[in-house]
Amino acid sequence: MKISLKEMAKRLSLSPAAVSKALNDYPDISLATKNLVKSYAKKVGYKANSQASFLRSQKTKTIGVIIPDITNPFFNKILKTIMTLAQKNNYSIILGNSKESFSLEEKLVNQFLQQKVDGILMSLANDTSQYKHLENILANDTVLVLFDKVAKLINCSKVFVDDKDGGFKATEHLIKKGCTKIAHFRGGLNPQNSIDRYLGYREALSVNKISFDPNKVLITSSGSIEQGYILAKKLYESGIEIDGLFCITDMVALGAIRFFKEQKIDIPNEISVIGFSNTMAGNLVYPSLSTIDQKASKIGAEAVRLFLSEEKMLKTENRLENQSLVLKTTLIKRESTQRI
């Protein structure tokens, strides 16, 4: 026989409100009371009535997560961490894949708000340049945490890596390996991470007194292996000579390497290649791919932590000060840049 919250409160000599608050980690309930209630609830097999819980608290214990490319190993790694920590904290996940489309991203946000999610964690699509849908999330008193591809103008919590520093590290690594004619396959003109990685590339060239050639910068629309192959072919057929290549993602770098190998170009001795993300695939190919580690699991963990912090503060009718967490990147040296 199922036990009700009211009956459990009676057995513990507590008010139903105190038991409910203890189960939901309200800050005005002592740790001793929380432990007592949770221990007893586990002992008697108490299960909260989700519909009644929503009517009382207006909380659904769900988080909407929007990623721009579900096939990208980097986002899969972030998602895995988010799902693990959400489950640990008794939240369910509703997943949306924007497919790098602003219109689909906007539609997903509206759907999640209609479903009364407690928060939305998202990485913006490449063509997102308008932010009214993000402002609607905040106006709805729903927690918003942006990660990886963020909008700096939106007043919400964010977690991302220092992309400019990562771009600088990648380009400088190629320079230290003797490269002087370095190309860059960058992302689109809208995403902040694409802009910052490009700026890091430019700065590394400038610091090392290497002239910038705009013809060596090509834009990828999707960050995929196919795009890397296409851009490498375009650069090769243009006759522009390069000895180093910095790609915005590992997937783009792997596509470029595939094309160069088909042309019997020696990687890394003729062209050194470095990616960005540190996906598993980069360590499984030959030559293994040098890359910039942007700490996908850490991004996912911090995004959940920020959400939980804001949810906790909302229970006290206070809003946590928005935080921007900027994580440091790490250079991973592998065979694709280790010249003989």
Protein backbone atom coordinates (compact mmCIF):
# COMPACT_ATOMS: atom_id res chain seq x y z
CA MET A 1 0.00 0.00 0.00
CA LYS A 2 1.35 3.39 -1.00
CA ILE A 3 1.99 5.87 1.77
CA SER A 4 0.94 9.49 1.28
CA LEU A 5 3.02 12.51 2.12
CA LYS A 6 0.45 13.49 4.76
CA GLU A 7 0.67 10.07 6.44
CA MET A 8 4.46 10.13 6.35
CA ALA A 9 4.44 13.59 7.97
CA LYS A 10 2.15 12.28 10.72
CA ARG A 11 4.44 9.33 11.47
CA LEU A 12 7.47 11.63 11.67
CA SER A 13 5.64 14.23 13.79
CA LEU A 14 6.28 16.88 11.16
CA SER A 15 4.02 19.10 9.10
CA PRO A 16 3.31 18.06 5.48
CA ALA A 17 4.94 21.31 4.36
CA ALA A 18 8.14 20.49 6.25
CA VAL A 19 8.27 17.00 4.75
CA SER A 20 7.70 18.37 1.25
CA LYS A 21 10.42 20.98 1.69
CA ALA A 22 12.84 18.39 3.08
CA LEU A 23 12.27 16.12 0.08
CA ASN A 24 12.90 19.05 -2.26
CA ASP A 25 16.00 20.38 -0.46
CA TYR A 26 14.60 23.74 0.57
CA PRO A 27 17.30 25.81 2.33
CA ASP A 28 15.07 26.68 5.31
CA ILE A 29 14.96 23.01 6.41
CA SER A 30 17.82 21.67 8.55
CA LEU A 31 20.14 18.99 7.21
CA ALA A 32 19.13 16.68 10.08
CA THR A 33 15.46 16.95 9.13
CA LYS A 34 16.23 16.42 5.44
CA ASN A 35 18.21 13.27 6.23
CA LEU A 36 15.45 11.97 8.53
CA VAL A 37 12.70 12.51 5.95
CA LYS A 38 14.67 11.14 2.99
CA SER A 39 15.80 8.09 4.96
CA TYR A 40 12.24 7.31 6.05
CA ALA A 41 10.86 7.94 2.54
CA LYS A 42 13.35 5.44 1.14
CA LYS A 43 12.51 2.93 3.88
CA VAL A 44 8.75 2.98 3.22
CA GLY A 45 9.10 3.30 -0.56
CA TYR A 46 7.45 6.72 -0.79
CA LYS A 47 6.99 7.99 -4.36
CA ALA A 48 5.94 11.57 -4.97
CA ASN A 49 2.79 12.16 -6.99
CA SER A 50 4.27 14.16 -9.86
CA GLN A 51 0.96 15.81 -10.79
CA ALA A 52 0.23 16.84 -7.22
CA SER A 53 3.82 17.98 -6.80
CA PHE A 54 3.51 20.21 -9.86
CA LEU A 55 0.26 21.72 -8.57
CA ARG A 56 1.94 22.56 -5.26
CA SER A 57 5.30 23.78 -6.51
CA GLN A 58 4.71 24.52 -10.22
CA LYS A 59 7.86 22.47 -10.87
CA THR A 60 7.96 19.55 -13.31
CA LYS A 61 11.44 18.26 -12.41
CA THR A 62 12.36 18.35 -16.09
CA ILE A 63 15.18 20.10 -17.92
CA GLY A 64 15.09 20.93 -21.62
CA VAL A 65 18.45 20.47 -23.35
CA ILE A 66 19.03 21.83 -26.86
CA ILE A 67 22.18 20.92 -28.78
CA PRO A 68 22.99 21.98 -32.35
CA ASP A 69 24.22 18.62 -33.68
CA ILE A 70 23.35 15.32 -32.05
CA THR A 71 25.82 13.47 -34.30
CA ASN A 72 28.81 15.49 -33.06
CA PRO A 73 30.86 13.48 -30.50
CA PHE A 74 31.69 16.66 -28.58
CA PHE A 75 28.03 17.44 -27.89
CA ASN A 76 27.32 13.79 -27.15
CA LYS A 77 29.94 13.91 -24.41
CA ILE A 78 28.38 17.04 -22.90
CA LEU A 79 24.92 15.47 -23.11
CA LYS A 80 26.04 12.27 -21.40
CA THR A 81 27.33 14.27 -18.42
CA ILE A 82 24.17 16.41 -18.25
CA MET A 83 21.92 13.34 -18.29
CA THR A 84 23.94 11.55 -15.60
CA LEU A 85 23.90 14.52 -13.21
CA ALA A 86 20.26 15.36 -13.93
CA GLN A 87 19.21 11.82 -13.07
CA LYS A 88 21.33 11.93 -9.92
CA ASN A 89 19.38 15.02 -8.85
CA ASN A 90 15.98 13.52 -9.77
CA TYR A 91 15.44 15.51 -12.96
CA SER A 92 14.26 14.15 -16.30
CA ILE A 93 15.73 15.38 -19.58
CA ILE A 94 13.84 16.44 -22.71
CA LEU A 95 16.29 16.57 -25.62
CA GLY A 96 16.08 18.81 -28.66
CA ASN A 97 18.38 18.79 -31.71
CA SER A 98 18.36 22.13 -33.51
CA LYS A 99 20.43 20.79 -36.44
CA GLU A 100 22.26 24.15 -36.52
CA SER A 101 18.96 25.85 -37.48
CA PHE A 102 17.77 29.04 -35.77
CA SER A 103 14.13 28.45 -36.73
CA LEU A 104 14.17 24.92 -35.30
CA GLU A 105 15.96 26.15 -32.18
CA GLU A 106 13.26 28.80 -31.68
CA LYS A 107 10.53 26.17 -32.15
CA LEU A 108 12.14 23.84 -29.59
CA VAL A 109 12.36 26.66 -27.02
CA ASN A 110 8.64 27.40 -27.44
CA GLN A 111 7.78 23.71 -27.09
CA PHE A 112 9.84 23.37 -23.92
CA LEU A 113 8.21 26.44 -22.37
CA GLN A 114 4.76 24.99 -23.15
CA GLN A 115 5.85 21.79 -21.40
CA LYS A 116 6.72 23.85 -18.31
CA VAL A 117 10.32 22.69 -18.03
CA ASP A 118 12.17 24.02 -14.97
CA GLY A 119 15.16 25.08 -17.00
CA ILE A 120 16.70 25.10 -20.47
CA LEU A 121 20.35 24.26 -21.09
CA MET A 122 21.43 25.02 -24.63
CA SER A 123 24.21 25.60 -27.13
CA LEU A 124 23.18 27.99 -29.89
CA ALA A 125 22.86 27.05 -33.56
CA ASN A 126 25.41 28.47 -35.99
CA ASP A 127 22.91 30.80 -37.67
CA THR A 128 21.39 32.18 -34.44
CA SER A 129 21.79 35.96 -34.45
CA GLN A 130 18.46 36.99 -32.89
CA TYR A 131 17.76 36.39 -29.22
CA LYS A 132 14.10 37.14 -28.57
CA HIS A 133 13.42 33.43 -27.86
CA LEU A 134 16.13 33.50 -25.18
CA GLU A 135 14.63 36.62 -23.62
CA ASN A 136 11.26 34.81 -23.57
CA ILE A 137 12.80 32.03 -21.47
CA LEU A 138 13.97 34.53 -18.87
CA ALA A 139 10.70 36.45 -18.97
CA ASN A 140 8.96 33.15 -18.21
CA ASP A 141 11.04 32.84 -14.99
CA THR A 142 12.63 29.68 -16.40
CA VAL A 143 16.32 29.09 -15.69
CA LEU A 144 18.49 29.49 -18.79
CA VAL A 145 22.09 28.26 -18.98
CA LEU A 146 24.01 28.63 -22.24
CA PHE A 147 27.04 26.46 -22.96
CA ASP A 148 29.77 26.26 -25.64
CA LYS A 149 28.13 28.51 -28.25
CA VAL A 150 26.74 31.38 -26.22
CA ALA A 151 25.30 34.87 -26.67
CA LYS A 152 27.31 37.34 -24.62
CA LEU A 153 24.51 39.93 -24.76
CA ILE A 154 21.99 37.69 -22.97
CA ASN A 155 21.88 38.14 -19.20
CA CYS A 156 21.99 34.51 -18.08
CA SER A 157 24.53 32.04 -16.74
CA LYS A 158 27.00 30.63 -19.26
CA VAL A 159 29.81 28.10 -19.41
CA PHE A 160 32.29 27.97 -22.28
CA VAL A 161 36.00 27.66 -22.93
CA ASP A 162 38.48 30.42 -23.70
CA ASP A 163 38.18 29.90 -27.46
CA LYS A 164 40.52 32.75 -28.37
CA ASP A 165 43.27 31.29 -26.20
CA GLY A 166 42.57 27.86 -27.70
CA GLY A 167 42.88 29.24 -31.24
CA PHE A 168 46.12 30.94 -30.27
CA LYS A 169 47.55 27.74 -28.77
CA ALA A 170 46.65 25.69 -31.85
CA THR A 171 48.19 28.16 -34.30
CA GLU A 172 51.29 28.78 -32.20
CA HIS A 173 51.85 25.02 -31.94
CA LEU A 174 51.94 24.82 -35.75
CA ILE A 175 54.37 27.75 -35.86
CA LYS A 176 56.67 26.08 -33.34
CA LYS A 177 56.68 23.00 -35.59
CA GLY A 178 58.06 25.14 -38.42
CA CYS A 179 54.86 26.09 -40.24
CA THR A 180 54.78 29.55 -41.83
CA LYS A 181 51.94 29.21 -44.36
CA ILE A 182 49.04 28.36 -42.08
CA ALA A 183 45.44 28.10 -43.25
CA HIS A 184 42.36 28.21 -41.04
CA PHE A 185 39.04 26.48 -41.68
CA ARG A 186 36.80 28.56 -39.45
CA GLY A 187 33.13 28.39 -38.51
CA GLY A 188 30.44 30.86 -39.56
CA LEU A 189 30.42 34.59 -38.87
CA ASN A 190 27.75 34.43 -36.12
CA PRO A 191 28.89 31.91 -33.48
CA GLN A 192 31.00 33.52 -30.77
CA ASN A 193 33.29 30.51 -30.50
CA SER A 194 34.02 30.69 -34.23
CA ILE A 195 34.86 34.39 -33.95
CA ASP A 196 37.11 33.87 -30.93
CA ARG A 197 39.05 30.94 -32.41
CA TYR A 198 39.63 32.98 -35.56
CA LEU A 199 40.87 35.91 -33.46
CA GLY A 200 43.27 33.56 -31.66
CA TYR A 201 44.59 32.40 -35.03
CA ARG A 202 45.11 35.99 -36.16
CA GLU A 203 46.84 36.95 -32.93
CA ALA A 204 49.26 34.02 -33.07
CA LEU A 205 50.26 34.98 -36.61
CA SER A 206 50.75 38.60 -35.57
CA VAL A 207 52.80 37.80 -32.46
CA ASN A 208 55.08 35.57 -34.51
CA LYS A 209 55.36 38.13 -37.33
CA ILE A 210 53.71 35.95 -39.96
CA SER A 211 51.66 37.90 -42.48
CA PHE A 212 47.94 37.20 -42.63
CA ASP A 213 46.52 35.99 -45.95
CA PRO A 214 42.68 36.10 -46.12
CA ASN A 215 42.79 33.59 -48.99
CA LYS A 216 43.96 30.97 -46.50
CA VAL A 217 40.79 31.35 -44.38
CA LEU A 218 37.79 29.30 -45.52
CA ILE A 219 34.37 29.11 -43.83
CA THR A 220 32.67 25.83 -43.00
CA SER A 221 28.90 25.84 -42.63
CA SER A 222 28.51 22.69 -40.53
CA GLY A 223 31.80 21.69 -38.90
CA SER A 224 31.53 18.18 -40.37
CA ILE A 225 33.99 15.70 -41.89
CA GLU A 226 32.37 16.29 -45.29
CA GLN A 227 32.92 20.04 -45.00
CA GLY A 228 36.57 19.51 -44.07
CA TYR A 229 37.06 17.38 -47.18
CA ILE A 230 35.32 19.92 -49.44
CA LEU A 231 37.31 22.88 -48.08
CA ALA A 232 40.64 21.03 -48.34
CA LYS A 233 39.82 20.17 -51.97
CA LYS A 234 38.87 23.81 -52.68
CA LEU A 235 42.10 25.11 -51.15
CA TYR A 236 44.21 22.52 -52.99
CA GLU A 237 42.61 23.28 -56.34
CA SER A 238 43.10 27.03 -55.82
CA GLY A 239 46.86 26.51 -55.95
CA ILE A 240 47.43 28.23 -52.60
CA GLU A 241 50.35 26.57 -50.83
CA ILE A 242 50.11 25.80 -47.13
CA ASP A 243 52.24 23.86 -44.66
CA GLY A 244 49.89 24.03 -41.67
CA LEU A 245 46.12 23.91 -41.08
CA PHE A 246 44.07 24.82 -38.00
CA CYS A 247 40.47 23.58 -38.13
CA ILE A 248 37.57 24.76 -35.99
CA THR A 249 36.59 21.19 -35.08
CA ASP A 250 38.18 17.76 -35.05
CA MET A 251 35.61 16.58 -37.59
CA VAL A 252 36.64 19.26 -40.09
CA ALA A 253 40.30 18.37 -39.52
CA LEU A 254 39.64 14.67 -40.15
CA GLY A 255 37.87 15.50 -43.42
CA ALA A 256 40.81 17.64 -44.53
CA ILE A 257 43.30 14.89 -43.65
CA ARG A 258 41.29 12.38 -45.68
CA PHE A 259 41.53 14.60 -48.76
CA PHE A 260 45.25 15.30 -48.30
CA LYS A 261 45.99 11.59 -47.94
CA GLU A 262 44.13 10.89 -51.19
CA GLN A 263 46.50 13.38 -52.84
CA LYS A 264 49.51 11.52 -51.36
CA ILE A 265 50.37 14.55 -49.23
CA ASP A 266 52.50 13.61 -46.22
CA ILE A 267 50.79 14.47 -42.94
CA PRO A 268 52.48 16.03 -40.93
CA ASN A 269 55.75 16.62 -42.83
CA GLU A 270 54.21 18.46 -45.79
CA ILE A 271 51.10 19.78 -44.04
CA SER A 272 50.60 19.67 -40.27
CA VAL A 273 46.97 19.62 -39.12
CA ILE A 274 45.39 20.44 -35.76
CA GLY A 275 41.73 20.32 -34.72
CA PHE A 276 39.64 21.54 -31.81
CA SER A 277 37.49 19.52 -29.34
CA ASN A 278 39.53 16.41 -28.49
CA THR A 279 36.92 13.91 -29.67
CA MET A 280 37.62 10.19 -29.43
CA ALA A 281 37.81 9.83 -33.21
CA GLY A 282 40.91 12.00 -33.34
CA ASN A 283 42.88 9.46 -31.34
CA LEU A 284 41.71 6.47 -33.42
CA VAL A 285 42.80 7.59 -36.91
CA TYR A 286 46.26 7.59 -38.49
CA PRO A 287 47.97 9.90 -38.11
CA SER A 288 46.33 10.62 -34.76
CA LEU A 289 45.03 14.18 -34.58
CA SER A 290 46.60 16.94 -32.52
CA THR A 291 43.83 19.01 -31.00
CA ILE A 292 42.65 21.47 -28.38
CA ASP A 293 40.81 19.85 -25.49
CA GLN A 294 37.79 21.96 -24.55
CA LYS A 295 36.70 19.80 -21.62
CA ALA A 296 33.28 18.61 -22.78
CA SER A 297 32.45 16.72 -19.57
CA LYS A 298 33.40 19.73 -17.45
CA ILE A 299 31.15 21.98 -19.55
CA GLY A 300 28.21 19.61 -19.02
CA ALA A 301 28.87 19.33 -15.28
CA GLU A 302 29.12 23.10 -14.80
CA ALA A 303 25.96 23.71 -16.82
CA VAL A 304 23.99 21.40 -14.51
CA ARG A 305 25.60 22.92 -11.40
CA LEU A 306 24.61 26.42 -12.51
CA PHE A 307 21.04 25.28 -13.17
CA LEU A 308 20.75 23.62 -9.74
CA SER A 309 22.18 26.72 -8.03
CA GLU A 310 19.65 28.99 -9.68
CA GLU A 311 16.78 26.60 -8.93
CA LYS A 312 17.79 26.54 -5.26
CA MET A 313 17.87 30.33 -5.09
CA LEU A 314 14.46 30.59 -6.76
CA LYS A 315 12.98 28.56 -3.91
CA THR A 316 13.96 31.40 -1.59
CA GLU A 317 12.48 33.93 -4.05
CA ASN A 318 15.96 35.22 -4.79
CA ARG A 319 17.78 34.91 -8.10
CA LEU A 320 21.39 33.85 -8.19
CA GLU A 321 23.74 36.35 -9.76
CA ASN A 322 24.38 35.17 -13.30
CA GLN A 323 27.76 33.57 -13.74
CA SER A 324 30.01 33.27 -16.79
CA LEU A 325 32.43 30.41 -16.32
CA VAL A 326 35.33 30.47 -18.76
CA LEU A 327 37.29 27.21 -18.79
CA LYS A 328 40.90 26.93 -19.92
CA THR A 329 41.78 24.74 -22.90
CA THR A 330 44.65 22.26 -23.15
CA LEU A 331 46.88 21.49 -26.16
CA ILE A 332 46.98 17.78 -27.03
CA LYS A 333 50.02 16.93 -29.20
CA ARG A 334 49.67 13.91 -31.49
CA GLU A 335 51.06 12.58 -34.76
CA SER A 336 49.38 15.03 -37.16
CA THR A 337 51.79 17.79 -36.08
CA GLN A 338 54.87 15.79 -35.01
CA ARG A 339 57.22 16.47 -37.89
CA ILE A 340 60.34 14.39 -38.49
